[in-house]
Amino acid sequence: MTITYTSEEGDAAMMNTLDNLPVTKNIAKIMREDGLNEKEVAKRAGYSEQEFKDMLGGNRIITVFDITKLCMALGVCENMLFK
């Protein structure tokens, strides 16, 4: 799923797109391997469970700041989400 940035995120980023799918697949894989559930990862990263579900479902853009928080919550480096 390709998500387009909205004007709320800045005019410079408006035309950029972010494909969440590879990142969300890797997050799900890490969660499975470590026996983590969505509620636990959301809490560790400082999101509501619904915000995290929206990220995984492609209904919320995953930003650079989100990547950092998610990596800390999962105990992995950023490269693990993009491999």
Protein backbone atom coordinates (compact mmCIF):
# COMPACT_ATOMS: atom_id res chain seq x y z
CA MET A 1 0.00 0.00 0.00
CA THR A 2 1.36 3.40 -0.93
CA ILE A 3 0.48 6.32 1.30
CA THR A 4 0.78 9.94 0.18
CA TYR A 5 1.79 12.63 2.64
CA THR A 6 -0.82 15.28 3.30
CA SER A 7 -0.26 19.03 3.36
CA GLU A 8 -0.41 18.89 7.16
CA GLU A 9 3.02 17.27 7.07
CA GLY A 10 4.52 20.10 5.07
CA ASP A 11 4.45 21.26 1.50
CA ALA A 12 7.93 19.90 0.81
CA ALA A 13 6.85 16.39 1.74
CA MET A 14 3.49 16.56 0.01
CA MET A 15 4.55 14.73 -3.12
CA ASN A 16 6.59 12.08 -1.35
CA THR A 17 5.15 8.64 -0.77
CA LEU A 18 6.00 6.06 1.81
CA ASP A 19 5.42 2.39 1.34
CA ASN A 20 4.69 1.02 4.81
CA LEU A 21 4.38 -2.59 3.71
CA PRO A 22 8.04 -3.73 3.95
CA VAL A 23 8.41 -2.04 7.33
CA THR A 24 5.16 -3.42 8.72
CA LYS A 25 6.02 -6.92 7.51
CA ASN A 26 9.33 -6.73 9.34
CA ILE A 27 7.68 -5.37 12.49
CA ALA A 28 5.20 -8.27 12.43
CA LYS A 29 8.04 -10.76 11.89
CA ILE A 30 10.03 -9.38 14.82
CA MET A 31 6.93 -9.41 17.02
CA ARG A 32 6.23 -13.06 16.12
CA GLU A 33 9.83 -14.10 16.75
CA ASP A 34 9.90 -12.34 20.13
CA GLY A 35 6.39 -13.36 21.19
CA LEU A 36 5.16 -9.77 21.43
CA ASN A 37 1.62 -8.58 20.82
CA GLU A 38 0.37 -5.28 19.40
CA LYS A 39 -0.77 -3.94 22.75
CA GLU A 40 2.63 -4.52 24.35
CA VAL A 41 4.62 -2.97 21.49
CA ALA A 42 2.23 0.01 21.31
CA LYS A 43 2.65 0.67 25.03
CA ARG A 44 6.45 0.36 24.87
CA ALA A 45 6.57 2.79 21.93
CA GLY A 46 4.19 5.28 23.53
CA TYR A 47 1.24 4.77 21.17
CA SER A 48 -2.33 3.78 21.78
CA GLU A 49 -3.14 0.31 20.56
CA GLN A 50 -5.32 1.86 17.82
CA GLU A 51 -2.51 4.14 16.60
CA PHE A 52 -0.19 1.15 16.32
CA LYS A 53 -2.85 -0.92 14.53
CA ASP A 54 -3.33 1.97 12.10
CA MET A 55 0.40 1.96 11.35
CA LEU A 56 0.46 -1.77 10.76
CA GLY A 57 -2.68 -1.57 8.63
CA GLY A 58 -1.37 1.24 6.44
CA ASN A 59 -3.87 3.79 7.73
CA ARG A 60 -1.20 5.95 9.39
CA ILE A 61 2.07 7.09 7.91
CA ILE A 62 5.13 5.68 9.64
CA THR A 63 7.55 8.58 10.05
CA VAL A 64 11.24 8.65 10.89
CA PHE A 65 10.28 9.46 14.47
CA ASP A 66 7.97 6.44 14.54
CA ILE A 67 10.76 4.20 13.28
CA THR A 68 13.00 5.30 16.14
CA LYS A 69 10.30 4.71 18.76
CA LEU A 70 9.32 1.35 17.28
CA CYS A 71 12.92 0.16 17.15
CA MET A 72 13.40 1.03 20.79
CA ALA A 73 10.17 -0.79 21.67
CA LEU A 74 11.21 -3.86 19.69
CA GLY A 75 14.85 -3.78 20.79
CA VAL A 76 16.22 -3.67 17.24
CA CYS A 77 18.18 -1.24 15.07
CA GLU A 78 16.52 0.69 12.23
CA ASN A 79 18.16 -1.51 9.61
CA MET A 80 16.14 -4.48 10.85
CA LEU A 81 12.92 -2.78 9.77
CA PHE A 82 14.14 -2.11 6.23
CA LYS A 83 15.89 -5.36 5.31
